[in-house]
Amino acid sequence: MIGRLEKTVLDCPDPRALAAFYAEILGWRINEDTEGAWVVIGRDAGWRELAFQRADPYEPPRWPEPGHPQQEHLDIRVDDVEAAERAVLALGATKLPAEHEDGFRVFADPAGHPFCLVYG
């Protein structure tokens, strides 16, 4: 082993807002906030699992358009996909088209990053 994964970092125009979005979905807490330009969330104090940094200018991916690829995405496992879909849409997510939705549904977070609710 050369190292360990510290965290995943997403560029976005508003780190506080996007961190709050994912903290609500995952039941995590904000563990670090550097003047709203860098925000880190995790399951508990000291856990640095997902970070958000301000990017200006910011150009969101346009999945599934190959000219603007998704760059990366998060898979979030859920027990009840119908309830989870309602919850993420209420938080500001947008449902994205998918060729098939066998075991997952595709959404964009408020900054345009694709993520999947994985179920089954």
Protein backbone atom coordinates (compact mmCIF):
# COMPACT_ATOMS: atom_id res chain seq x y z
CA MET A 1 0.00 0.00 0.00
CA ILE A 2 1.33 3.40 -0.97
CA GLY A 3 -1.30 5.47 0.79
CA ARG A 4 -4.95 5.68 1.82
CA LEU A 5 -7.82 7.65 0.44
CA GLU A 6 -8.11 10.86 2.44
CA LYS A 7 -11.33 12.14 0.86
CA THR A 8 -13.07 12.81 -2.41
CA VAL A 9 -13.17 16.48 -3.44
CA LEU A 10 -15.83 18.05 -5.65
CA ASP A 11 -15.37 21.45 -7.31
CA CYS A 12 -18.48 23.62 -7.13
CA PRO A 13 -19.56 27.27 -7.07
CA ASP A 14 -20.90 27.19 -3.45
CA PRO A 15 -19.10 24.69 -1.15
CA ARG A 16 -21.31 25.37 1.90
CA ALA A 17 -24.52 24.73 -0.01
CA LEU A 18 -23.28 21.56 -1.68
CA ALA A 19 -21.80 20.24 1.59
CA ALA A 20 -25.15 20.82 3.32
CA PHE A 21 -26.91 18.97 0.47
CA TYR A 22 -24.74 15.84 0.83
CA ALA A 23 -24.60 16.05 4.64
CA GLU A 24 -28.40 15.88 4.72
CA ILE A 25 -28.56 12.93 2.29
CA LEU A 26 -25.84 10.93 4.07
CA GLY A 27 -26.64 11.91 7.67
CA TRP A 28 -23.12 13.31 8.08
CA ARG A 29 -21.89 16.47 9.73
CA ILE A 30 -19.79 19.41 8.61
CA ASN A 31 -16.36 18.89 10.15
CA GLU A 32 -14.42 21.73 8.52
CA ASP A 33 -15.40 25.03 6.96
CA THR A 34 -12.71 27.42 5.75
CA GLU A 35 -14.56 30.64 5.00
CA GLY A 36 -16.99 28.78 2.75
CA ALA A 37 -14.27 28.13 0.16
CA TRP A 38 -13.42 24.65 1.48
CA VAL A 39 -15.93 22.52 3.40
CA VAL A 40 -15.45 18.93 4.58
CA ILE A 41 -18.14 16.53 5.79
CA GLY A 42 -17.91 13.14 7.50
CA ARG A 43 -19.66 10.65 9.75
CA ASP A 44 -18.05 11.95 12.92
CA ALA A 45 -15.57 14.50 14.22
CA GLY A 46 -12.23 14.02 12.51
CA TRP A 47 -13.68 11.98 9.64
CA ARG A 48 -12.80 13.74 6.39
CA GLU A 49 -14.74 11.77 3.82
CA LEU A 50 -16.10 14.24 1.28
CA ALA A 51 -14.87 17.76 0.57
CA PHE A 52 -16.12 20.66 -1.52
CA GLN A 53 -13.95 23.45 -2.89
CA ARG A 54 -14.92 26.65 -4.63
CA ALA A 55 -14.18 26.71 -8.36
CA ASP A 56 -14.55 29.97 -10.25
CA PRO A 57 -15.40 29.74 -13.02
CA TYR A 58 -17.25 26.45 -12.67
CA GLU A 59 -18.48 24.41 -15.66
CA PRO A 60 -20.75 21.54 -14.57
CA PRO A 61 -20.74 18.17 -16.33
CA ARG A 62 -23.67 17.46 -18.67
CA TRP A 63 -24.27 13.76 -18.33
CA PRO A 64 -24.62 11.80 -20.58
CA GLU A 65 -23.25 14.28 -23.14
CA PRO A 66 -19.77 13.01 -24.10
CA GLY A 67 -18.48 16.54 -24.79
CA HIS A 68 -19.00 17.40 -21.10
CA PRO A 69 -18.42 14.08 -19.28
CA GLN A 70 -19.54 13.38 -15.74
CA GLN A 71 -15.91 13.52 -14.53
CA GLU A 72 -16.85 11.46 -11.48
CA HIS A 73 -19.97 10.52 -9.58
CA LEU A 74 -21.05 9.19 -6.21
CA ASP A 75 -23.06 6.03 -5.65
CA ILE A 76 -25.28 6.31 -2.58
CA ARG A 77 -26.89 3.05 -1.42
CA VAL A 78 -30.49 3.38 -0.18
CA ASP A 79 -33.03 0.97 1.29
CA ASP A 80 -36.16 2.66 -0.10
CA VAL A 81 -35.43 4.23 -3.49
CA GLU A 82 -38.86 5.87 -3.78
CA ALA A 83 -38.51 7.68 -0.44
CA ALA A 84 -34.87 8.53 -1.20
CA GLU A 85 -35.82 10.00 -4.58
CA ARG A 86 -38.46 12.22 -3.01
CA ALA A 87 -35.96 13.36 -0.37
CA VAL A 88 -33.12 14.25 -2.77
CA LEU A 89 -35.49 16.08 -5.11
CA ALA A 90 -36.81 18.09 -2.15
CA LEU A 91 -33.20 19.01 -1.29
CA GLY A 92 -32.61 20.39 -4.78
CA ALA A 93 -31.43 17.42 -6.85
CA THR A 94 -32.54 17.01 -10.47
CA LYS A 95 -33.43 13.62 -11.95
CA LEU A 96 -31.36 12.82 -15.06
CA PRO A 97 -32.31 10.55 -17.95
CA ALA A 98 -30.90 7.05 -17.95
CA GLU A 99 -31.06 4.33 -20.59
CA HIS A 100 -32.15 1.87 -17.93
CA GLU A 101 -32.56 2.11 -14.18
CA ASP A 102 -31.94 -1.46 -13.08
CA GLY A 103 -30.66 -1.03 -9.52
CA PHE A 104 -29.87 2.69 -9.73
CA ARG A 105 -31.37 6.09 -10.50
CA VAL A 106 -29.31 9.02 -11.75
CA PHE A 107 -29.57 12.57 -10.41
CA ALA A 108 -27.58 15.80 -10.47
CA ASP A 109 -26.77 17.64 -7.27
CA PRO A 110 -27.46 21.40 -7.11
CA ALA A 111 -24.04 22.13 -8.68
CA GLY A 112 -24.63 19.68 -11.56
CA HIS A 113 -22.53 16.68 -10.40
CA PRO A 114 -24.18 13.37 -11.26
CA PHE A 115 -24.86 10.90 -8.46
CA CYS A 116 -26.77 7.65 -8.28
CA LEU A 117 -29.15 6.25 -5.74
CA VAL A 118 -28.26 2.55 -5.73
CA TYR A 119 -30.80 -0.01 -4.50
CA GLY A 120 -31.70 -3.68 -4.55
